[in-house]
């Protein structure tokens, strides 16, 4: 089993730079997804602030906040929480990728005698 993994490792990468480029590419792809999610979250936070402001204005005027507005506020909060969880999961994924590539690089060096 280990011999097969070693063979694949040596046939996949011809240099340390190959390993590092592949790792960096995987991390960059995740970073792009994180950045997009953070941008979406920022927009949602702006929307939430506006929704909450509308609700507060209604309450200050002595009116009840309608169910639709309350649902919109709750839904926006959930989307923000979901996006934050997504970012957290992607950061954990990045940690795992780094660990895996660190292990591959160390093993590649060992097999090459570097």
C-alpha atoms as a PDB file:
ATOM      1  CA  UNK A   1       0.000   0.000   0.000  1.00  0.00           C
ATOM      2  CA  UNK A   2       2.694   2.517   0.998  1.00  0.00           C
ATOM      3  CA  UNK A   3       4.822   1.439  -1.943  1.00  0.00           C
ATOM      4  CA  UNK A   4       1.952   2.262  -4.309  1.00  0.00           C
ATOM      5  CA  UNK A   5       1.447   5.668  -2.684  1.00  0.00           C
ATOM      6  CA  UNK A   6       5.182   6.347  -2.982  1.00  0.00           C
ATOM      7  CA  UNK A   7       5.180   5.352  -6.649  1.00  0.00           C
ATOM      8  CA  UNK A   8       2.263   7.689  -7.341  1.00  0.00           C
ATOM      9  CA  UNK A   9       3.917  10.506  -5.410  1.00  0.00           C
ATOM     10  CA  UNK A  10       7.178  10.165  -7.361  1.00  0.00           C
ATOM     11  CA  UNK A  11       5.412   9.867 -10.714  1.00  0.00           C
ATOM     12  CA  UNK A  12       3.121  12.828 -10.020  1.00  0.00           C
ATOM     13  CA  UNK A  13       5.757  15.330  -8.940  1.00  0.00           C
ATOM     14  CA  UNK A  14       9.134  15.897 -10.549  1.00  0.00           C
ATOM     15  CA  UNK A  15      10.219  18.683  -8.203  1.00  0.00           C
ATOM     16  CA  UNK A  16       9.378  20.375  -4.934  1.00  0.00           C
ATOM     17  CA  UNK A  17       8.083  23.302  -6.959  1.00  0.00           C
ATOM     18  CA  UNK A  18       5.506  20.992  -8.571  1.00  0.00           C
ATOM     19  CA  UNK A  19       4.197  20.052  -5.157  1.00  0.00           C
ATOM     20  CA  UNK A  20       4.141  23.653  -3.962  1.00  0.00           C
ATOM     21  CA  UNK A  21       2.435  24.896  -7.126  1.00  0.00           C
ATOM     22  CA  UNK A  22      -0.280  22.288  -6.819  1.00  0.00           C
ATOM     23  CA  UNK A  23      -0.802  23.138  -3.149  1.00  0.00           C
ATOM     24  CA  UNK A  24      -0.880  26.854  -3.903  1.00  0.00           C
ATOM     25  CA  UNK A  25      -3.390  26.291  -6.712  1.00  0.00           C
ATOM     26  CA  UNK A  26      -5.692  24.327  -4.436  1.00  0.00           C
ATOM     27  CA  UNK A  27      -5.432  26.991  -1.742  1.00  0.00           C
ATOM     28  CA  UNK A  28      -6.030  29.807  -4.237  1.00  0.00           C
ATOM     29  CA  UNK A  29      -9.214  28.138  -5.459  1.00  0.00           C
ATOM     30  CA  UNK A  30     -10.506  27.919  -1.905  1.00  0.00           C
ATOM     31  CA  UNK A  31      -9.450  31.494  -1.163  1.00  0.00           C
ATOM     32  CA  UNK A  32     -11.468  32.635  -4.171  1.00  0.00           C
ATOM     33  CA  UNK A  33     -14.556  30.863  -2.836  1.00  0.00           C
ATOM     34  CA  UNK A  34     -13.977  32.385   0.607  1.00  0.00           C
ATOM     35  CA  UNK A  35     -13.601  35.875  -0.839  1.00  0.00           C
ATOM     36  CA  UNK A  36     -16.830  35.507  -2.813  1.00  0.00           C
ATOM     37  CA  UNK A  37     -18.683  34.258   0.248  1.00  0.00           C
ATOM     38  CA  UNK A  38     -17.345  37.144   2.336  1.00  0.00           C
ATOM     39  CA  UNK A  39     -18.516  39.622  -0.304  1.00  0.00           C
ATOM     40  CA  UNK A  40     -21.968  38.036  -0.306  1.00  0.00           C
ATOM     41  CA  UNK A  41     -21.991  38.153   3.494  1.00  0.00           C
ATOM     42  CA  UNK A  42     -21.141  41.862   3.466  1.00  0.00           C
ATOM     43  CA  UNK A  43     -24.105  42.492   1.161  1.00  0.00           C
ATOM     44  CA  UNK A  44     -26.351  40.437   3.396  1.00  0.00           C
ATOM     45  CA  UNK A  45     -25.217  42.375   6.442  1.00  0.00           C
ATOM     46  CA  UNK A  46     -26.119  45.620   4.671  1.00  0.00           C
ATOM     47  CA  UNK A  47     -29.520  44.162   3.799  1.00  0.00           C
ATOM     48  CA  UNK A  48     -30.026  43.011   7.374  1.00  0.00           C
ATOM     49  CA  UNK A  49     -29.221  46.479   8.708  1.00  0.00           C
ATOM     50  CA  UNK A  50     -31.807  47.997   6.361  1.00  0.00           C
ATOM     51  CA  UNK A  51     -34.424  45.434   7.324  1.00  0.00           C
ATOM     52  CA  UNK A  52     -33.781  45.991  11.014  1.00  0.00           C
ATOM     53  CA  UNK A  53     -33.978  49.745  10.504  1.00  0.00           C
ATOM     54  CA  UNK A  54     -37.369  49.358   8.809  1.00  0.00           C
ATOM     55  CA  UNK A  55     -38.592  47.216  11.686  1.00  0.00           C
ATOM     56  CA  UNK A  56     -37.313  49.693  14.276  1.00  0.00           C
ATOM     57  CA  UNK A  57     -39.026  52.598  12.512  1.00  0.00           C
ATOM     58  CA  UNK A  58     -42.329  50.726  12.550  1.00  0.00           C
ATOM     59  CA  UNK A  59     -41.957  49.988  16.250  1.00  0.00           C
ATOM     60  CA  UNK A  60     -41.089  53.613  17.050  1.00  0.00           C
ATOM     61  CA  UNK A  61     -44.288  54.659  15.303  1.00  0.00           C
ATOM     62  CA  UNK A  62     -46.221  52.266  17.504  1.00  0.00           C
ATOM     63  CA  UNK A  63     -46.932  49.827  14.691  1.00  0.00           C
ATOM     64  CA  UNK A  64     -46.353  46.113  14.744  1.00  0.00           C
ATOM     65  CA  UNK A  65     -43.702  44.629  12.526  1.00  0.00           C
ATOM     66  CA  UNK A  66     -45.364  42.513   9.868  1.00  0.00           C
ATOM     67  CA  UNK A  67     -44.597  38.816   9.563  1.00  0.00           C
ATOM     68  CA  UNK A  68     -42.995  39.169   6.152  1.00  0.00           C
ATOM     69  CA  UNK A  69     -40.422  41.647   7.455  1.00  0.00           C
ATOM     70  CA  UNK A  70     -39.695  39.411  10.432  1.00  0.00           C
ATOM     71  CA  UNK A  71     -39.246  36.422   8.099  1.00  0.00           C
ATOM     72  CA  UNK A  72     -36.926  38.476   5.898  1.00  0.00           C
ATOM     73  CA  UNK A  73     -34.838  39.437   8.921  1.00  0.00           C
ATOM     74  CA  UNK A  74     -34.666  35.832  10.134  1.00  0.00           C
ATOM     75  CA  UNK A  75     -33.870  34.544   6.652  1.00  0.00           C
ATOM     76  CA  UNK A  76     -31.103  37.070   6.164  1.00  0.00           C
ATOM     77  CA  UNK A  77     -29.617  36.188   9.555  1.00  0.00           C
ATOM     78  CA  UNK A  78     -29.657  32.522   8.580  1.00  0.00           C
ATOM     79  CA  UNK A  79     -27.938  33.246   5.271  1.00  0.00           C
ATOM     80  CA  UNK A  80     -25.237  35.208   7.088  1.00  0.00           C
ATOM     81  CA  UNK A  81     -24.738  32.350   9.561  1.00  0.00           C
ATOM     82  CA  UNK A  82     -24.613  29.821   6.705  1.00  0.00           C
ATOM     83  CA  UNK A  83     -22.013  31.882   4.857  1.00  0.00           C
ATOM     84  CA  UNK A  84     -19.894  32.213   7.983  1.00  0.00           C
ATOM     85  CA  UNK A  85     -20.081  28.446   8.508  1.00  0.00           C
ATOM     86  CA  UNK A  86     -19.087  27.935   4.864  1.00  0.00           C
ATOM     87  CA  UNK A  87     -16.020  30.158   5.332  1.00  0.00           C
ATOM     88  CA  UNK A  88     -15.082  28.323   8.512  1.00  0.00           C
ATOM     89  CA  UNK A  89     -15.363  24.965   6.744  1.00  0.00           C
ATOM     90  CA  UNK A  90     -13.236  26.215   3.846  1.00  0.00           C
ATOM     91  CA  UNK A  91     -10.566  27.414   6.277  1.00  0.00           C
ATOM     92  CA  UNK A  92     -10.541  23.966   7.866  1.00  0.00           C
ATOM     93  CA  UNK A  93     -10.241  22.492   4.378  1.00  0.00           C
ATOM     94  CA  UNK A  94      -7.219  24.728   3.756  1.00  0.00           C
ATOM     95  CA  UNK A  95      -5.613  23.434   6.964  1.00  0.00           C
ATOM     96  CA  UNK A  96      -6.129  19.856   5.795  1.00  0.00           C
ATOM     97  CA  UNK A  97      -4.679  20.634   2.373  1.00  0.00           C
ATOM     98  CA  UNK A  98      -1.625  22.202   3.967  1.00  0.00           C
ATOM     99  CA  UNK A  99      -1.124  19.171   6.198  1.00  0.00           C
ATOM    100  CA  UNK A 100      -1.509  16.754   3.296  1.00  0.00           C
ATOM    101  CA  UNK A 101       0.915  18.649   1.076  1.00  0.00           C
ATOM    102  CA  UNK A 102       3.413  19.064   3.930  1.00  0.00           C
ATOM    103  CA  UNK A 103       3.281  15.307   4.397  1.00  0.00           C
ATOM    104  CA  UNK A 104       3.631  14.664   0.665  1.00  0.00           C
ATOM    105  CA  UNK A 105       6.564  17.055   0.423  1.00  0.00           C
ATOM    106  CA  UNK A 106       8.351  15.470   3.379  1.00  0.00           C
ATOM    107  CA  UNK A 107       7.790  11.976   1.966  1.00  0.00           C
ATOM    108  CA  UNK A 108       8.847  13.086  -1.538  1.00  0.00           C
ATOM    109  CA  UNK A 109      12.091  14.498  -0.105  1.00  0.00           C
ATOM    110  CA  UNK A 110      12.676  11.308   1.830  1.00  0.00           C
ATOM    111  CA  UNK A 111      12.152   9.143  -1.246  1.00  0.00           C
ATOM    112  CA  UNK A 112      14.394  11.364  -3.364  1.00  0.00           C
ATOM    113  CA  UNK A 113      17.057  11.432  -0.685  1.00  0.00           C
ATOM    114  CA  UNK A 114      16.937  15.224  -0.413  1.00  0.00           C
END
